[in-house]
């Protein structure tokens, strides 16, 4: 029996009590799981932002601004996609935020349906925890390779034979074979196809 999927999640950060409450009602009534915060620091103190969702941030807030919050989150690692709420006079700041990786920005006043639709679209950019875990494990394994083993791996996954790799690296085919065995072992790849798939999945 398939378990029901979790409702989409939105993290709202806005220092305006009335706006925060209105956004909470809007997204709750639209089927979202909602968590609302009155300040950037309150969000940073949240124990778990790794779950899939969207950050809906006000650009201009006292203390830490939305842009500064975005920078702080990026330094901490993978975060949910960001949609900024901005007044017309802060559009240049929102454009800067987009250049830094934000998914969208919405000018106030906004249409409720349009804002919900934009947040739903932003959900498509939400990183999945499993993807991060797989990437971290891949990087851990790759970091265990020696520089020469990494060179061999990079050539192996392009389809080169041991003899071709030996010529490129100016070593014997037997040396390549030894390095290749160690690569397979350290990367925990059961086959050449598995090793190639790993590299392709992680952009190597």
Protein backbone atom coordinates (compact mmCIF):
# COMPACT_ATOMS: atom_id res chain seq x y z
CA UNK A 1 0.00 0.00 0.00
CA UNK A 2 1.47 3.36 -1.05
CA UNK A 3 1.84 5.97 1.68
CA UNK A 4 0.23 9.34 0.92
CA UNK A 5 2.74 11.99 -0.15
CA UNK A 6 3.50 14.81 2.26
CA UNK A 7 1.85 18.17 1.57
CA UNK A 8 4.07 20.83 -0.01
CA UNK A 9 5.90 22.97 2.55
CA UNK A 10 6.51 26.71 2.64
CA UNK A 11 8.69 28.59 5.14
CA UNK A 12 7.52 32.20 5.46
CA UNK A 13 9.79 34.92 6.84
CA UNK A 14 8.20 38.36 7.25
CA UNK A 15 8.50 40.83 10.13
CA UNK A 16 5.01 42.28 9.46
CA UNK A 17 2.63 40.41 11.77
CA UNK A 18 -0.45 41.04 9.63
CA UNK A 19 1.28 40.03 6.39
CA UNK A 20 2.76 36.92 8.00
CA UNK A 21 -0.63 35.85 9.33
CA UNK A 22 -2.29 36.48 5.96
CA UNK A 23 0.35 34.45 4.14
CA UNK A 24 -0.01 31.66 6.67
CA UNK A 25 -3.77 31.51 6.06
CA UNK A 26 -3.34 31.69 2.28
CA UNK A 27 -0.92 28.79 2.01
CA UNK A 28 -2.64 26.71 4.66
CA UNK A 29 -5.91 27.00 2.77
CA UNK A 30 -4.04 26.09 -0.45
CA UNK A 31 -2.94 22.75 0.98
CA UNK A 32 0.56 23.67 2.13
CA UNK A 33 2.28 22.78 5.36
CA UNK A 34 3.29 26.21 6.66
CA UNK A 35 5.95 27.40 9.07
CA UNK A 36 6.14 31.16 9.65
CA UNK A 37 8.93 33.21 11.23
CA UNK A 38 9.03 36.84 12.34
CA UNK A 39 12.75 37.33 11.61
CA UNK A 40 15.65 35.95 9.66
CA UNK A 41 17.34 34.81 12.84
CA UNK A 42 14.27 32.84 13.87
CA UNK A 43 14.51 30.90 10.62
CA UNK A 44 18.26 30.33 11.06
CA UNK A 45 17.54 28.90 14.51
CA UNK A 46 15.13 26.38 12.98
CA UNK A 47 16.53 22.86 13.48
CA UNK A 48 15.68 21.41 10.08
CA UNK A 49 15.57 23.26 6.79
CA UNK A 50 16.70 20.25 4.77
CA UNK A 51 13.18 19.02 4.12
CA UNK A 52 11.76 19.85 0.70
CA UNK A 53 9.90 23.12 0.49
CA UNK A 54 10.11 26.77 -0.53
CA UNK A 55 11.42 29.76 1.40
CA UNK A 56 9.18 32.81 0.97
CA UNK A 57 11.24 35.76 2.20
CA UNK A 58 10.53 39.45 2.56
CA UNK A 59 13.43 41.42 1.08
CA UNK A 60 13.45 44.32 3.53
CA UNK A 61 13.39 43.33 7.20
CA UNK A 62 14.94 44.95 10.27
CA UNK A 63 18.13 43.36 11.50
CA UNK A 64 19.09 40.76 8.90
CA UNK A 65 17.54 41.46 5.49
CA UNK A 66 16.19 38.83 3.18
CA UNK A 67 19.31 39.11 1.02
CA UNK A 68 21.58 38.64 4.02
CA UNK A 69 19.50 35.66 5.10
CA UNK A 70 19.86 34.15 1.64
CA UNK A 71 23.65 34.55 1.83
CA UNK A 72 23.75 32.98 5.30
CA UNK A 73 21.70 30.00 4.13
CA UNK A 74 23.90 29.45 1.08
CA UNK A 75 27.00 29.39 3.30
CA UNK A 76 25.36 26.69 5.43
CA UNK A 77 24.78 24.37 2.51
CA UNK A 78 21.87 23.16 0.38
CA UNK A 79 18.66 25.03 1.14
CA UNK A 80 15.11 25.10 -0.20
CA UNK A 81 14.50 27.34 -3.24
CA UNK A 82 13.85 31.00 -2.42
CA UNK A 83 11.02 33.25 -3.57
CA UNK A 84 11.29 36.90 -2.52
CA UNK A 85 8.46 39.27 -1.70
CA UNK A 86 9.43 42.83 -2.56
CA UNK A 87 8.01 46.32 -2.66
CA UNK A 88 8.52 48.22 -5.91
CA UNK A 89 11.40 50.28 -4.50
CA UNK A 90 13.34 47.14 -3.62
CA UNK A 91 13.12 45.44 -7.01
CA UNK A 92 16.85 46.03 -7.71
CA UNK A 93 17.62 44.09 -4.53
CA UNK A 94 15.36 41.27 -5.68
CA UNK A 95 17.14 41.15 -9.02
CA UNK A 96 20.42 40.79 -7.13
CA UNK A 97 18.85 37.94 -5.17
CA UNK A 98 17.89 36.21 -8.42
CA UNK A 99 21.47 36.52 -9.62
CA UNK A 100 22.54 34.81 -6.40
CA UNK A 101 20.24 31.87 -6.98
CA UNK A 102 16.73 32.88 -5.91
CA UNK A 103 14.03 31.24 -8.01
CA UNK A 104 11.55 34.13 -8.28
CA UNK A 105 10.47 37.44 -6.81
CA UNK A 106 6.96 38.80 -6.44
CA UNK A 107 6.10 42.47 -6.13
CA UNK A 108 3.66 43.71 -3.51
CA UNK A 109 0.73 44.05 -3.75
CA UNK A 110 0.27 40.64 -5.31
CA UNK A 111 -2.62 38.43 -6.40
CA UNK A 112 -3.02 35.51 -4.02
CA UNK A 113 -3.51 32.96 -6.79
CA UNK A 114 -0.43 34.21 -8.62
CA UNK A 115 1.74 33.98 -5.50
CA UNK A 116 0.58 30.43 -4.75
CA UNK A 117 1.22 29.43 -8.37
CA UNK A 118 4.74 30.86 -8.26
CA UNK A 119 5.53 29.03 -5.04
CA UNK A 120 4.23 25.79 -6.54
CA UNK A 121 6.51 26.31 -9.54
CA UNK A 122 9.43 26.97 -7.22
CA UNK A 123 8.83 23.59 -5.58
CA UNK A 124 10.19 21.98 -8.74
CA UNK A 125 13.59 23.37 -7.75
CA UNK A 126 13.42 21.92 -4.24
CA UNK A 127 16.45 19.74 -3.50
CA UNK A 128 15.64 16.26 -2.25
CA UNK A 129 17.40 15.07 0.88
CA UNK A 130 18.20 11.73 -0.76
CA UNK A 131 19.99 13.51 -3.61
CA UNK A 132 22.17 15.42 -1.16
CA UNK A 133 22.94 12.26 0.76
CA UNK A 134 23.95 10.44 -2.42
CA UNK A 135 26.11 13.36 -3.53
CA UNK A 136 27.81 13.55 -0.14
CA UNK A 137 28.52 9.81 -0.20
CA UNK A 138 29.92 10.04 -3.73
CA UNK A 139 32.19 12.93 -2.72
CA UNK A 140 33.35 10.99 0.35
CA UNK A 141 34.34 8.01 -1.77
CA UNK A 142 36.01 10.14 -4.43
CA UNK A 143 37.99 12.04 -1.79
CA UNK A 144 39.51 8.71 -0.70
CA UNK A 145 41.12 8.29 -4.13
CA UNK A 146 44.73 9.31 -4.66
CA UNK A 147 45.38 11.95 -7.34
CA UNK A 148 46.56 9.21 -9.74
CA UNK A 149 43.46 7.10 -9.02
CA UNK A 150 41.25 10.10 -9.79
CA UNK A 151 43.05 10.53 -13.11
CA UNK A 152 42.47 6.87 -13.92
CA UNK A 153 38.81 7.08 -12.93
CA UNK A 154 38.25 10.18 -15.07
CA UNK A 155 39.70 8.36 -18.08
CA UNK A 156 37.92 5.06 -17.35
CA UNK A 157 34.49 6.69 -17.33
CA UNK A 158 35.14 8.17 -20.79
CA UNK A 159 35.41 4.62 -22.12
CA UNK A 160 39.18 4.39 -22.55
CA UNK A 161 40.85 0.99 -22.28
CA UNK A 162 43.72 0.21 -19.93
CA UNK A 163 46.19 0.47 -22.82
CA UNK A 164 44.81 3.85 -23.89
CA UNK A 165 44.95 5.14 -20.31
CA UNK A 166 48.51 3.85 -19.98
CA UNK A 167 49.56 5.86 -23.03
CA UNK A 168 47.86 9.02 -21.74
CA UNK A 169 49.45 8.74 -18.30
CA UNK A 170 52.74 7.32 -19.54
CA UNK A 171 52.59 4.26 -17.29
CA UNK A 172 52.30 0.54 -17.90
CA UNK A 173 48.92 -1.15 -18.54
CA UNK A 174 49.57 -3.27 -15.45
CA UNK A 175 49.88 -0.11 -13.33
CA UNK A 176 46.59 1.15 -14.78
CA UNK A 177 44.96 -2.18 -13.95
CA UNK A 178 46.07 -1.89 -10.31
CA UNK A 179 44.78 1.69 -10.04
CA UNK A 180 41.54 0.73 -11.75
CA UNK A 181 40.96 -2.08 -9.25
CA UNK A 182 41.51 0.35 -6.36
CA UNK A 183 39.16 2.87 -7.92
CA UNK A 184 36.40 0.27 -8.22
CA UNK A 185 36.98 -0.81 -4.64
CA UNK A 186 37.06 2.67 -3.10
CA UNK A 187 34.09 3.90 -5.15
CA UNK A 188 32.20 0.70 -4.20
CA UNK A 189 31.27 0.18 -7.83
CA UNK A 190 30.15 -3.35 -8.66
CA UNK A 191 30.84 -2.87 -12.37
CA UNK A 192 32.23 -0.43 -14.89
CA UNK A 193 28.66 0.52 -15.79
CA UNK A 194 27.96 1.39 -12.15
CA UNK A 195 31.08 3.56 -11.99
CA UNK A 196 30.11 5.40 -15.17
CA UNK A 197 26.56 5.92 -13.87
CA UNK A 198 27.92 7.41 -10.64
CA UNK A 199 30.09 9.87 -12.53
CA UNK A 200 27.28 10.88 -14.87
CA UNK A 201 24.81 11.32 -12.01
CA UNK A 202 27.18 13.67 -10.22
CA UNK A 203 28.40 15.67 -13.15
CA UNK A 204 31.93 14.29 -13.44
